[in-house]
Each structure stands twice: as C-alpha cells, then as structure tokens.
Amino acid sequence: MFITFEGGDGSGKTTQMQLLAEWLRGRGFDVVTTRDPGGTELGRHIRKLLLHGGDVSPRAEALLYAADRAHNVATVVRPALDRGAIVLADRYIDSSAAYQGAGRTLGEDEVRGLSLWGTEGLMPDLTVFLDLPAEALASRLGGSFDRIEAAGARFHEDVRRAYLRFAAAEPERWFTVDATEPRERIAETVRARVAEALEAEGRRPGGGEP
C-alpha cells in the first residue's frame, strides 16, 4: 500500500507520517518512509538545490522535482511495494501539481504528466491532505523560510486552493484533515482512516494477506 501525505508548508505532514509509521510498525507491518524531494542520496542533493540553492527558474524547478521523484520511485518506493511493504511518503506528485502547476502557473495537468511519465504512472492508494490556511504559515515556521516557503502569501493560497480542488475531484483517494487540530487528534483520525483502508485490502500485520 502506498500512502502519501500532502499539504502546505508547516501543515505537519512529516510529524503525522512519522506517527503513523510508528503505529503501523508497532502492529507488525513492514513500513518504509520517504520524502519528496530527498528520499535518496541523489534526492538529497536535489533537495538542497531546490530549497537552498539560490534562483531556480520555474520550469527547471518542476523538472528537478520530477527527476527526484522518478529516481525515488525506481530505487525506493517500487522495490518496497513489490515486497509487500507499506510505503509512506512525505509529498508526491500532487505536490508538484499544486506548487509548480498552480503556484508557479505552469499548468497542473502538464506538471502532473511530467511526473507520471517519470514514475511510470505510479499513484498512491491513499492521500492524507493536512489542510492548513495559508495565513498560518508564518506562525508555524517561525522566521526561517526556505526558497519555497518564502514564495509569498498569494503563492501559498494558490497552492492550498489547488489541493482543495484535487481532494474534491478524487474523494475516493483523498482524505482531508483539519491541520489546525491538536497533533494527537489528527494522528487518531489518520490511524482510523488507514486502518479502514488496510481492512478493505485484507492486509494483516507482517505484510501478509488474510
């Protein structure tokens, strides 16, 4: 099973992914976590360029994210899925569609298509969307912003609106959570939804089938 965590900067994706991973491992599941960008050695170099490397043109930015994603899927995500693991990813294709497609106005379908080609069409079974109003960004992140976080309020509002459109268009895949709720309440809500998905797939601890 492939589960992704999406949302704006400061929404708590990384924290919730880690909490879910701990919960699943405690129940005997084989769990692999990764992040986008930065889930591989190559990805860590790409992440540094994207977030702290100075000026990057919008199209180059989209291509770098897609390159990271293609390599991550080929070397981490697919091998884990093939052996029956649950893969949790902090961001995936929907991030590029929201940030570069909508935020950078490069076209959501065009940007999504680039990553679909690079990943050979791999899409998540479930996407947890942590919805946080754009105006909460500054208070969540403090005074230190990377290149994407510093893109401005209008950019981040466009990103959020794109995510909301995606969630409305694919309710069977997207699960929206209010990211302003307390951390543990969010974790409980996410665990309940994931448990439901696992039961529907007939998954049992240890990665086995019933």
N, C-alpha and C. Protein backbone atom coordinates (compact mmCIF):
# COMPACT_ATOMS: atom_id res chain seq x y z
N MET A 1 0.84 -1.19 0.00
CA MET A 1 0.00 0.00 0.00
C MET A 1 0.88 1.24 0.00
N PHE A 2 0.51 2.20 -0.81
CA PHE A 2 1.27 3.44 -0.96
C PHE A 2 0.41 4.60 -0.44
N ILE A 3 0.88 5.24 0.64
CA ILE A 3 0.14 6.32 1.29
C ILE A 3 0.99 7.58 1.25
N THR A 4 0.43 8.67 0.75
CA THR A 4 1.17 9.93 0.69
C THR A 4 0.54 10.96 1.61
N PHE A 5 1.38 11.88 2.08
CA PHE A 5 0.94 12.99 2.93
C PHE A 5 1.17 14.29 2.16
N GLU A 6 0.09 15.05 2.00
CA GLU A 6 0.17 16.31 1.26
C GLU A 6 -0.34 17.46 2.12
N GLY A 7 0.03 18.67 1.71
CA GLY A 7 -0.42 19.86 2.41
C GLY A 7 0.58 20.98 2.26
N GLY A 8 0.19 22.16 2.69
CA GLY A 8 1.08 23.30 2.62
C GLY A 8 2.23 23.20 3.60
N ASP A 9 3.20 24.09 3.44
CA ASP A 9 4.33 24.12 4.35
C ASP A 9 3.84 24.42 5.77
N GLY A 10 4.40 23.69 6.73
CA GLY A 10 4.02 23.88 8.12
C GLY A 10 2.76 23.17 8.55
N SER A 11 2.19 22.34 7.68
CA SER A 11 0.92 21.69 8.00
C SER A 11 1.07 20.46 8.89
N GLY A 12 2.30 19.98 9.08
CA GLY A 12 2.52 18.83 9.96
C GLY A 12 2.62 17.49 9.26
N LYS A 13 2.87 17.48 7.96
CA LYS A 13 2.95 16.24 7.21
C LYS A 13 4.00 15.27 7.76
N THR A 14 5.21 15.81 7.96
CA THR A 14 6.31 14.95 8.40
C THR A 14 6.01 14.33 9.76
N THR A 15 5.50 15.12 10.67
CA THR A 15 5.15 14.62 12.00
C THR A 15 4.10 13.53 11.92
N GLN A 16 3.06 13.75 11.16
CA GLN A 16 1.98 12.77 11.07
C GLN A 16 2.42 11.51 10.35
N MET A 17 3.29 11.64 9.36
CA MET A 17 3.82 10.45 8.69
C MET A 17 4.62 9.61 9.67
N GLN A 18 5.45 10.26 10.48
CA GLN A 18 6.27 9.54 11.44
C GLN A 18 5.41 8.85 12.51
N LEU A 19 4.37 9.54 12.97
CA LEU A 19 3.48 8.95 13.97
C LEU A 19 2.74 7.74 13.40
N LEU A 20 2.31 7.84 12.15
CA LEU A 20 1.63 6.71 11.52
C LEU A 20 2.60 5.54 11.33
N ALA A 21 3.83 5.84 10.93
CA ALA A 21 4.82 4.78 10.74
C ALA A 21 5.07 4.02 12.05
N GLU A 22 5.19 4.76 13.14
CA GLU A 22 5.39 4.12 14.44
C GLU A 22 4.22 3.23 14.80
N TRP A 23 3.02 3.72 14.56
CA TRP A 23 1.81 2.96 14.88
C TRP A 23 1.74 1.67 14.06
N LEU A 24 2.03 1.78 12.78
CA LEU A 24 1.97 0.61 11.91
C LEU A 24 3.05 -0.41 12.26
N ARG A 25 4.26 0.07 12.52
CA ARG A 25 5.34 -0.84 12.90
C ARG A 25 5.05 -1.54 14.21
N GLY A 26 4.38 -0.82 15.12
CA GLY A 26 4.00 -1.42 16.39
C GLY A 26 3.00 -2.54 16.23
N ARG A 27 2.34 -2.59 15.08
CA ARG A 27 1.38 -3.65 14.79
C ARG A 27 1.94 -4.68 13.82
N GLY A 28 3.25 -4.63 13.61
CA GLY A 28 3.91 -5.69 12.86
C GLY A 28 4.01 -5.49 11.37
N PHE A 29 3.66 -4.32 10.87
CA PHE A 29 3.75 -4.08 9.43
C PHE A 29 5.16 -3.66 9.04
N ASP A 30 5.56 -4.07 7.84
CA ASP A 30 6.80 -3.61 7.22
C ASP A 30 6.51 -2.24 6.62
N VAL A 31 7.16 -1.21 7.13
CA VAL A 31 6.88 0.17 6.72
C VAL A 31 8.15 0.85 6.24
N VAL A 32 8.05 1.50 5.09
CA VAL A 32 9.14 2.31 4.55
C VAL A 32 8.66 3.74 4.45
N THR A 33 9.46 4.69 4.96
CA THR A 33 9.12 6.10 4.84
C THR A 33 10.11 6.78 3.90
N THR A 34 9.61 7.76 3.17
CA THR A 34 10.46 8.52 2.26
C THR A 34 9.93 9.93 2.16
N ARG A 35 10.70 10.80 1.55
CA ARG A 35 10.22 12.17 1.37
C ARG A 35 10.54 12.65 -0.04
N ASP A 36 9.82 13.68 -0.43
CA ASP A 36 9.86 14.16 -1.81
C ASP A 36 9.95 15.69 -1.77
N PRO A 37 11.12 16.25 -2.11
CA PRO A 37 12.35 15.59 -2.56
C PRO A 37 13.22 15.18 -1.38
N GLY A 38 14.20 14.30 -1.67
CA GLY A 38 15.19 13.97 -0.67
C GLY A 38 15.15 12.57 -0.12
N GLY A 39 14.43 11.65 -0.74
CA GLY A 39 14.33 10.30 -0.22
C GLY A 39 15.47 9.38 -0.59
N THR A 40 16.42 9.87 -1.40
CA THR A 40 17.58 9.09 -1.82
C THR A 40 18.81 9.99 -1.71
N GLU A 41 19.99 9.41 -1.93
CA GLU A 41 21.20 10.23 -1.90
C GLU A 41 21.15 11.29 -3.01
N LEU A 42 20.76 10.87 -4.21
CA LEU A 42 20.59 11.84 -5.29
C LEU A 42 19.56 12.88 -4.91
N GLY A 43 18.47 12.43 -4.32
CA GLY A 43 17.40 13.34 -3.94
C GLY A 43 17.82 14.37 -2.91
N ARG A 44 18.73 13.99 -2.02
CA ARG A 44 19.20 14.96 -1.02
C ARG A 44 19.97 16.10 -1.67
N HIS A 45 20.73 15.78 -2.72
CA HIS A 45 21.43 16.84 -3.45
C HIS A 45 20.43 17.73 -4.18
N ILE A 46 19.42 17.11 -4.78
CA ILE A 46 18.39 17.88 -5.49
C ILE A 46 17.62 18.76 -4.52
N ARG A 47 17.31 18.21 -3.35
CA ARG A 47 16.58 18.99 -2.34
C ARG A 47 17.37 20.24 -1.93
N LYS A 48 18.66 20.07 -1.74
CA LYS A 48 19.49 21.21 -1.35
C LYS A 48 19.46 22.28 -2.43
N LEU A 49 19.55 21.88 -3.68
CA LEU A 49 19.50 22.84 -4.79
C LEU A 49 18.15 23.55 -4.84
N LEU A 50 17.08 22.80 -4.66
CA LEU A 50 15.73 23.36 -4.78
C LEU A 50 15.40 24.32 -3.63
N LEU A 51 15.77 23.96 -2.42
CA LEU A 51 15.35 24.75 -1.27
C LEU A 51 16.35 25.80 -0.83
N HIS A 52 17.64 25.57 -1.14
CA HIS A 52 18.66 26.49 -0.62
C HIS A 52 19.71 26.88 -1.66
N GLY A 53 19.44 26.59 -2.92
CA GLY A 53 20.46 26.80 -3.95
C GLY A 53 20.37 28.09 -4.72
N GLY A 54 19.63 29.06 -4.23
CA GLY A 54 19.52 30.32 -4.95
C GLY A 54 18.43 30.27 -6.02
N ASP A 55 18.54 31.10 -7.02
CA ASP A 55 17.49 31.22 -8.03
C ASP A 55 17.39 29.97 -8.89
N VAL A 56 16.17 29.48 -9.06
CA VAL A 56 15.87 28.35 -9.95
C VAL A 56 14.65 28.73 -10.76
N SER A 57 14.72 28.65 -12.07
CA SER A 57 13.58 29.02 -12.90
C SER A 57 12.42 28.05 -12.67
N PRO A 58 11.17 28.49 -12.86
CA PRO A 58 10.02 27.61 -12.58
C PRO A 58 10.05 26.28 -13.33
N ARG A 59 10.41 26.30 -14.61
CA ARG A 59 10.42 25.04 -15.36
C ARG A 59 11.55 24.13 -14.91
N ALA A 60 12.70 24.71 -14.61
CA ALA A 60 13.80 23.90 -14.06
C ALA A 60 13.40 23.31 -12.72
N GLU A 61 12.68 24.09 -11.92
CA GLU A 61 12.20 23.61 -10.62
C GLU A 61 11.31 22.39 -10.81
N ALA A 62 10.36 22.48 -11.73
CA ALA A 62 9.45 21.36 -11.99
C ALA A 62 10.21 20.12 -12.46
N LEU A 63 11.20 20.32 -13.31
CA LEU A 63 11.97 19.20 -13.83
C LEU A 63 12.82 18.55 -12.74
N LEU A 64 13.38 19.34 -11.85
CA LEU A 64 14.17 18.79 -10.75
C LEU A 64 13.32 17.96 -9.81
N TYR A 65 12.13 18.46 -9.48
CA TYR A 65 11.22 17.68 -8.64
C TYR A 65 10.86 16.36 -9.32
N ALA A 66 10.59 16.41 -10.62
CA ALA A 66 10.22 15.19 -11.34
C ALA A 66 11.39 14.20 -11.39
N ALA A 67 12.60 14.70 -11.55
CA ALA A 67 13.78 13.83 -11.59
C ALA A 67 13.97 13.13 -10.24
N ASP A 68 13.85 13.90 -9.17
CA ASP A 68 13.94 13.31 -7.83
C ASP A 68 12.90 12.22 -7.65
N ARG A 69 11.69 12.51 -8.06
CA ARG A 69 10.57 11.58 -7.86
C ARG A 69 10.77 10.29 -8.67
N ALA A 70 11.23 10.44 -9.90
CA ALA A 70 11.46 9.26 -10.76
C ALA A 70 12.49 8.33 -10.13
N HIS A 71 13.58 8.91 -9.62
CA HIS A 71 14.63 8.09 -9.01
C HIS A 71 14.16 7.48 -7.71
N ASN A 72 13.43 8.21 -6.92
CA ASN A 72 12.92 7.71 -5.64
C ASN A 72 11.98 6.52 -5.86
N VAL A 73 11.09 6.65 -6.83
CA VAL A 73 10.16 5.56 -7.11
C VAL A 73 10.91 4.32 -7.60
N ALA A 74 11.88 4.52 -8.49
CA ALA A 74 12.60 3.39 -9.07
C ALA A 74 13.47 2.66 -8.06
N THR A 75 14.03 3.40 -7.10
CA THR A 75 15.01 2.78 -6.19
C THR A 75 14.51 2.53 -4.78
N VAL A 76 13.44 3.21 -4.37
CA VAL A 76 12.93 3.05 -3.00
C VAL A 76 11.49 2.57 -2.98
N VAL A 77 10.60 3.30 -3.63
CA VAL A 77 9.17 3.05 -3.48
C VAL A 77 8.74 1.74 -4.12
N ARG A 78 9.04 1.53 -5.40
CA ARG A 78 8.58 0.31 -6.07
C ARG A 78 9.20 -0.95 -5.46
N PRO A 79 10.50 -0.98 -5.16
CA PRO A 79 11.05 -2.18 -4.53
C PRO A 79 10.35 -2.51 -3.21
N ALA A 80 10.03 -1.49 -2.42
CA ALA A 80 9.34 -1.73 -1.15
C ALA A 80 7.93 -2.26 -1.38
N LEU A 81 7.21 -1.66 -2.32
CA LEU A 81 5.86 -2.12 -2.63
C LEU A 81 5.89 -3.55 -3.16
N ASP A 82 6.88 -3.86 -3.97
CA ASP A 82 6.97 -5.19 -4.57
C ASP A 82 7.16 -6.28 -3.52
N ARG A 83 7.80 -5.94 -2.40
CA ARG A 83 8.00 -6.95 -1.35
C ARG A 83 6.84 -6.97 -0.36
N GLY A 84 5.83 -6.10 -0.57
CA GLY A 84 4.64 -6.11 0.27
C GLY A 84 4.64 -5.11 1.40
N ALA A 85 5.59 -4.17 1.40
CA ALA A 85 5.66 -3.16 2.46
C ALA A 85 4.60 -2.08 2.26
N ILE A 86 4.33 -1.36 3.34
CA ILE A 86 3.52 -0.15 3.26
C ILE A 86 4.51 1.01 3.12
N VAL A 87 4.34 1.81 2.09
CA VAL A 87 5.23 2.95 1.86
C VAL A 87 4.48 4.23 2.21
N LEU A 88 5.10 5.04 3.07
CA LEU A 88 4.57 6.35 3.44
C LEU A 88 5.49 7.41 2.86
N ALA A 89 4.92 8.37 2.14
CA ALA A 89 5.73 9.41 1.51
C ALA A 89 5.28 10.79 1.94
N ASP A 90 6.25 11.59 2.34
CA ASP A 90 6.04 13.00 2.68
C ASP A 90 6.14 13.78 1.37
N ARG A 91 5.00 13.99 0.72
CA ARG A 91 4.82 14.62 -0.59
C ARG A 91 5.02 13.62 -1.73
N TYR A 92 4.33 13.94 -2.85
CA TYR A 92 4.48 13.13 -4.06
C TYR A 92 4.00 13.97 -5.24
N ILE A 93 3.47 13.35 -6.26
CA ILE A 93 3.11 14.04 -7.50
C ILE A 93 2.16 15.21 -7.27
N ASP A 94 1.20 15.05 -6.35
CA ASP A 94 0.23 16.12 -6.12
C ASP A 94 0.90 17.40 -5.64
N SER A 95 2.04 17.29 -4.96
CA SER A 95 2.76 18.49 -4.54
C SER A 95 3.23 19.30 -5.74
N SER A 96 3.77 18.63 -6.74
CA SER A 96 4.22 19.35 -7.93
C SER A 96 3.05 19.97 -8.68
N ALA A 97 1.95 19.23 -8.77
CA ALA A 97 0.77 19.78 -9.45
C ALA A 97 0.28 21.04 -8.74
N ALA A 98 0.36 21.05 -7.40
CA ALA A 98 -0.09 22.21 -6.62
C ALA A 98 0.94 23.34 -6.63
N TYR A 99 2.19 23.01 -6.34
CA TYR A 99 3.21 24.05 -6.18
C TYR A 99 3.72 24.59 -7.51
N GLN A 100 4.12 23.69 -8.41
CA GLN A 100 4.62 24.18 -9.69
C GLN A 100 3.49 24.40 -10.71
N GLY A 101 2.50 23.49 -10.70
CA GLY A 101 1.39 23.65 -11.64
C GLY A 101 0.54 24.86 -11.35
N ALA A 102 0.07 24.98 -10.09
CA ALA A 102 -0.80 26.09 -9.71
C ALA A 102 0.00 27.29 -9.20
N GLY A 103 0.89 27.05 -8.22
CA GLY A 103 1.64 28.14 -7.62
C GLY A 103 2.54 28.86 -8.59
N ARG A 104 3.25 28.11 -9.44
CA ARG A 104 4.15 28.70 -10.44
C ARG A 104 3.44 28.91 -11.78
N THR A 105 2.16 28.56 -11.83
CA THR A 105 1.31 28.73 -13.03
C THR A 105 1.89 28.05 -14.26
N LEU A 106 2.45 26.86 -14.09
CA LEU A 106 2.97 26.10 -15.23
C LEU A 106 1.93 25.16 -15.82
N GLY A 107 0.78 25.01 -15.16
CA GLY A 107 -0.27 24.12 -15.64
C GLY A 107 -0.29 22.83 -14.85
N GLU A 108 -1.37 22.60 -14.13
CA GLU A 108 -1.45 21.41 -13.27
C GLU A 108 -1.34 20.12 -14.05
N ASP A 109 -2.05 20.02 -15.17
CA ASP A 109 -2.02 18.78 -15.95
C ASP A 109 -0.64 18.53 -16.56
N GLU A 110 -0.01 19.60 -17.04
CA GLU A 110 1.32 19.46 -17.65
C GLU A 110 2.35 18.98 -16.64
N VAL A 111 2.33 19.58 -15.46
CA VAL A 111 3.30 19.20 -14.42
C VAL A 111 3.01 17.79 -13.91
N ARG A 112 1.75 17.48 -13.73
CA ARG A 112 1.40 16.13 -13.28
C ARG A 112 1.83 15.08 -14.31
N GLY A 113 1.63 15.39 -15.58
CA GLY A 113 2.01 14.46 -16.64
C GLY A 113 3.49 14.18 -16.67
N LEU A 114 4.30 15.19 -16.37
CA LEU A 114 5.75 15.02 -16.34
C LEU A 114 6.15 13.97 -15.30
N SER A 115 5.57 14.06 -14.10
CA SER A 115 5.91 13.11 -13.05
C SER A 115 5.28 11.74 -13.29
N LEU A 116 4.12 11.70 -13.90
CA LEU A 116 3.52 10.40 -14.22
C LEU A 116 4.40 9.63 -15.20
N TRP A 117 4.98 10.36 -16.16
CA TRP A 117 5.92 9.71 -17.09
C TRP A 117 7.14 9.22 -16.33
N GLY A 118 7.69 10.06 -15.46
CA GLY A 118 8.90 9.71 -14.74
C GLY A 118 8.72 8.54 -13.77
N THR A 119 7.52 8.38 -13.24
CA THR A 119 7.26 7.31 -12.25
C THR A 119 6.52 6.13 -12.87
N GLU A 120 6.37 6.14 -14.18
CA GLU A 120 5.64 5.08 -14.90
C GLU A 120 4.22 4.93 -14.37
N GLY A 121 3.62 6.08 -14.04
CA GLY A 121 2.20 6.09 -13.69
C GLY A 121 1.84 5.69 -12.28
N LEU A 122 2.81 5.55 -11.39
CA LEU A 122 2.51 5.12 -10.03
C LEU A 122 1.76 6.22 -9.27
N MET A 123 0.59 5.87 -8.74
CA MET A 123 -0.18 6.80 -7.93
C MET A 123 -0.49 6.18 -6.56
N PRO A 124 -0.71 7.01 -5.54
CA PRO A 124 -0.97 6.48 -4.20
C PRO A 124 -2.31 5.77 -4.09
N ASP A 125 -2.39 4.86 -3.14
CA ASP A 125 -3.68 4.25 -2.80
C ASP A 125 -4.50 5.19 -1.93
N LEU A 126 -3.82 5.97 -1.11
CA LEU A 126 -4.48 6.91 -0.20
C LEU A 126 -3.61 8.14 -0.05
N THR A 127 -4.22 9.32 -0.08
CA THR A 127 -3.51 10.58 0.13
C THR A 127 -4.13 11.31 1.32
N VAL A 128 -3.34 11.53 2.35
CA VAL A 128 -3.78 12.27 3.52
C VAL A 128 -3.44 13.74 3.30
N PHE A 129 -4.47 14.58 3.23
CA PHE A 129 -4.27 16.01 2.99
C PHE A 129 -4.48 16.78 4.29
N LEU A 130 -3.40 17.37 4.79
CA LEU A 130 -3.46 18.17 6.01
C LEU A 130 -3.71 19.62 5.60
N ASP A 131 -4.94 20.04 5.76
CA ASP A 131 -5.37 21.35 5.27
C ASP A 131 -5.11 22.43 6.31
N LEU A 132 -4.23 23.36 5.97
CA LEU A 132 -3.87 24.47 6.85
C LEU A 132 -4.03 25.78 6.10
N PRO A 133 -4.77 26.75 6.65
CA PRO A 133 -4.89 28.05 5.99
C PRO A 133 -3.52 28.65 5.72
N ALA A 134 -3.36 29.29 4.57
CA ALA A 134 -2.06 29.83 4.17
C ALA A 134 -1.55 30.86 5.16
N GLU A 135 -2.45 31.59 5.82
CA GLU A 135 -2.01 32.63 6.73
C GLU A 135 -1.35 32.07 7.99
N ALA A 136 -1.50 30.77 8.22
CA ALA A 136 -0.89 30.14 9.41
C ALA A 136 0.57 29.77 9.18
N LEU A 137 1.06 29.93 7.95
CA LEU A 137 2.42 29.52 7.61
C LEU A 137 3.46 30.18 8.50
N ALA A 138 3.40 31.49 8.62
CA ALA A 138 4.43 32.22 9.36
C ALA A 138 4.51 31.78 10.82
N SER A 139 3.36 31.60 11.45
CA SER A 139 3.36 31.21 12.86
C SER A 139 3.85 29.78 13.05
N ARG A 140 3.63 28.91 12.06
CA ARG A 140 4.07 27.52 12.17
C ARG A 140 5.59 27.39 11.96
N LEU A 141 6.13 28.18 11.04
CA LEU A 141 7.52 28.02 10.65
C LEU A 141 8.48 28.96 11.35
N GLY A 142 7.96 29.95 12.05
CA GLY A 142 8.84 30.91 12.69
C GLY A 142 9.41 31.88 11.66
N GLY A 143 10.64 32.34 11.86
CA GLY A 143 11.20 33.36 10.97
C GLY A 143 12.16 32.84 9.94
N SER A 144 12.37 31.53 9.85
CA SER A 144 13.33 30.97 8.90
C SER A 144 12.61 30.24 7.78
N PHE A 145 12.69 30.78 6.54
CA PHE A 145 12.00 30.21 5.40
C PHE A 145 13.00 29.71 4.36
N ASP A 146 12.70 28.55 3.73
CA ASP A 146 13.49 28.15 2.58
C ASP A 146 12.94 28.85 1.33
N ARG A 147 13.49 28.52 0.17
CA ARG A 147 13.13 29.24 -1.05
C ARG A 147 11.65 29.08 -1.41
N ILE A 148 11.08 27.91 -1.18
CA ILE A 148 9.67 27.67 -1.49
C ILE A 148 8.77 28.33 -0.45
N GLU A 149 9.13 28.18 0.81
CA GLU A 149 8.32 28.76 1.89
C GLU A 149 8.24 30.28 1.78
N ALA A 150 9.29 30.89 1.21
CA ALA A 150 9.36 32.35 1.11
C ALA A 150 8.69 32.89 -0.16
N ALA A 151 7.93 32.06 -0.85
CA ALA A 151 7.36 32.48 -2.15
C ALA A 151 6.23 33.50 -2.04
N GLY A 152 5.68 33.71 -0.85
CA GLY A 152 4.66 34.74 -0.69
C GLY A 152 3.28 34.18 -0.41
N ALA A 153 2.43 35.03 0.21
CA ALA A 153 1.10 34.60 0.64
C ALA A 153 0.22 34.19 -0.54
N ARG A 154 0.27 34.93 -1.62
CA ARG A 154 -0.57 34.60 -2.79
C ARG A 154 -0.21 33.23 -3.35
N PHE A 155 1.08 32.96 -3.43
CA PHE A 155 1.56 31.66 -3.91
C PHE A 155 1.00 30.54 -3.05
N HIS A 156 1.11 30.66 -1.75
CA HIS A 156 0.68 29.59 -0.85
C HIS A 156 -0.84 29.45 -0.82
N GLU A 157 -1.55 30.52 -1.05
CA GLU A 157 -3.01 30.42 -1.13
C GLU A 157 -3.41 29.70 -2.42
N ASP A 158 -2.70 29.97 -3.51
CA ASP A 158 -2.96 29.26 -4.77
C ASP A 158 -2.69 27.77 -4.61
N VAL A 159 -1.64 27.45 -3.88
CA VAL A 159 -1.30 26.04 -3.62
C VAL A 159 -2.42 25.36 -2.84
N ARG A 160 -2.88 26.02 -1.79
CA ARG A 160 -3.95 25.43 -0.98
C ARG A 160 -5.22 25.22 -1.80
N ARG A 161 -5.59 26.19 -2.60
CA ARG A 161 -6.79 26.05 -3.42
C ARG A 161 -6.67 24.91 -4.41
N ALA A 162 -5.46 24.71 -4.94
CA ALA A 162 -5.24 23.58 -5.84
C ALA A 162 -5.45 22.26 -5.10
N TYR A 163 -4.89 22.15 -3.91
CA TYR A 163 -5.08 20.93 -3.11
C TYR A 163 -6.56 20.67 -2.85
N LEU A 164 -7.29 21.70 -2.52
CA LEU A 164 -8.72 21.53 -2.26
C LEU A 164 -9.45 21.04 -3.51
N ARG A 165 -9.06 21.53 -4.67
CA ARG A 165 -9.66 21.04 -5.93
C ARG A 165 -9.34 19.58 -6.14
N PHE A 166 -8.08 19.22 -5.92
CA PHE A 166 -7.68 17.82 -6.12
C PHE A 166 -8.48 16.89 -5.19
N ALA A 167 -8.61 17.29 -3.94
CA ALA A 167 -9.33 16.46 -2.98
C ALA A 167 -10.80 16.30 -3.36
N ALA A 168 -11.40 17.38 -3.85
CA ALA A 168 -12.81 17.32 -4.26
C ALA A 168 -12.99 16.45 -5.49
N ALA A 169 -11.99 16.44 -6.37
CA ALA A 169 -12.10 15.68 -7.62
C ALA A 169 -11.90 14.19 -7.43
N GLU A 170 -11.15 13.78 -6.38
CA GLU A 170 -10.87 12.36 -6.14
C GLU A 170 -11.14 11.99 -4.69
N PRO A 171 -12.38 12.06 -4.25
CA PRO A 171 -12.67 11.77 -2.84
C PRO A 171 -12.37 10.34 -2.43
N GLU A 172 -12.31 9.42 -3.38
CA GLU A 172 -12.01 8.03 -3.04
C GLU A 172 -10.54 7.86 -2.64
N ARG A 173 -9.68 8.73 -3.13
CA ARG A 173 -8.26 8.65 -2.79
C ARG A 173 -7.86 9.63 -1.69
N TRP A 174 -8.42 10.82 -1.71
CA TRP A 174 -8.01 11.87 -0.78
C TRP A 174 -8.79 11.79 0.53
N PHE A 175 -8.06 12.02 1.62
CA PHE A 175 -8.65 12.09 2.95
C PHE A 175 -8.19 13.40 3.57
N THR A 176 -9.12 14.35 3.75
CA THR A 176 -8.78 15.68 4.22
C THR A 176 -8.92 15.79 5.73
N VAL A 177 -7.88 16.35 6.36
CA VAL A 177 -7.84 16.51 7.81
C VAL A 177 -7.58 17.98 8.13
N ASP A 178 -8.27 18.49 9.13
CA ASP A 178 -8.05 19.87 9.58
C ASP A 178 -6.72 19.94 10.33
N ALA A 179 -5.72 20.59 9.72
CA ALA A 179 -4.38 20.63 10.30
C ALA A 179 -4.27 21.58 11.49
N THR A 180 -5.32 22.31 11.81
CA THR A 180 -5.29 23.17 12.99
C THR A 180 -5.67 22.41 14.27
N GLU A 181 -6.13 21.17 14.13
CA GLU A 181 -6.48 20.35 15.29
C GLU A 181 -5.21 19.94 16.04
N PRO A 182 -5.32 19.54 17.32
CA PRO A 182 -4.15 19.07 18.07
C PRO A 182 -3.49 17.87 17.38
N ARG A 183 -2.19 17.76 17.55
CA ARG A 183 -1.41 16.74 16.85
C ARG A 183 -1.95 15.33 17.10
N GLU A 184 -2.25 14.98 18.36
CA GLU A 184 -2.68 13.62 18.65
C GLU A 184 -4.07 13.34 18.08
N ARG A 185 -4.93 14.35 18.07
CA ARG A 185 -6.27 14.15 17.49
C ARG A 185 -6.15 13.87 15.99
N ILE A 186 -5.26 14.61 15.32
CA ILE A 186 -5.03 14.36 13.90
C ILE A 186 -4.51 12.94 13.70
N ALA A 187 -3.55 12.53 14.54
CA ALA A 187 -2.98 11.20 14.41
C ALA A 187 -4.03 10.11 14.57
N GLU A 188 -4.94 10.29 15.52
CA GLU A 188 -6.01 9.32 15.73
C GLU A 188 -6.92 9.24 14.51
N THR A 189 -7.23 10.39 13.94
CA THR A 189 -8.09 10.43 12.76
C THR A 189 -7.42 9.73 11.58
N VAL A 190 -6.13 9.99 11.40
CA VAL A 190 -5.39 9.36 10.30
C VAL A 190 -5.30 7.85 10.52
N ARG A 191 -5.02 7.43 11.75
CA ARG A 191 -4.93 5.99 12.02
C ARG A 191 -6.24 5.28 11.71
N ALA A 192 -7.35 5.91 12.06
CA ALA A 192 -8.65 5.29 11.82
C ALA A 192 -8.89 5.10 10.32
N ARG A 193 -8.51 6.12 9.53
CA ARG A 193 -8.72 6.02 8.08
C ARG A 193 -7.80 4.98 7.46
N VAL A 194 -6.56 4.92 7.91
CA VAL A 194 -5.62 3.94 7.38
C VAL A 194 -6.04 2.52 7.78
N ALA A 195 -6.50 2.35 9.01
CA ALA A 195 -6.97 1.03 9.44
C ALA A 195 -8.13 0.56 8.57
N GLU A 196 -9.00 1.49 8.22
CA GLU A 196 -10.13 1.18 7.33
C GLU A 196 -9.62 0.74 5.96
N ALA A 197 -8.62 1.46 5.45
CA ALA A 197 -8.07 1.11 4.14
C ALA A 197 -7.38 -0.25 4.16
N LEU A 198 -6.65 -0.53 5.22
CA LEU A 198 -5.98 -1.82 5.34
C LEU A 198 -6.98 -2.96 5.43
N GLU A 199 -8.04 -2.74 6.18
CA GLU A 199 -9.07 -3.77 6.30
C GLU A 199 -9.72 -4.03 4.95
N ALA A 200 -9.97 -2.97 4.19
CA ALA A 200 -10.58 -3.13 2.88
C ALA A 200 -9.68 -3.92 1.93
N GLU A 201 -8.34 -3.78 2.12
CA GLU A 201 -7.40 -4.51 1.29
C GLU A 201 -7.09 -5.91 1.83
N GLY A 202 -7.63 -6.21 3.02
CA GLY A 202 -7.36 -7.51 3.61
C GLY A 202 -5.95 -7.67 4.15
N ARG A 203 -5.31 -6.54 4.48
CA ARG A 203 -3.94 -6.59 4.98
C ARG A 203 -3.90 -6.96 6.45
N ARG A 204 -2.88 -7.75 6.80
CA ARG A 204 -2.67 -8.16 8.17
C ARG A 204 -1.25 -7.82 8.58
N PRO A 205 -0.96 -7.69 9.87
CA PRO A 205 0.42 -7.40 10.32
C PRO A 205 1.42 -8.38 9.73
N GLY A 206 2.61 -7.85 9.44
CA GLY A 206 3.65 -8.66 8.82
C GLY A 206 3.62 -8.57 7.31
N GLY A 207 2.65 -7.79 6.76
CA GLY A 207 2.57 -7.60 5.32
C GLY A 207 1.80 -8.69 4.61
N GLY A 208 1.24 -9.64 5.37
CA GLY A 208 0.56 -10.77 4.76
C GLY A 208 -0.89 -10.49 4.42
N GLU A 209 -1.47 -11.44 3.75
CA GLU A 209 -2.90 -11.38 3.41
C GLU A 209 -3.66 -12.24 4.43
N PRO A 210 -4.98 -12.07 4.49
CA PRO A 210 -5.75 -12.87 5.46
C PRO A 210 -5.69 -14.36 5.15
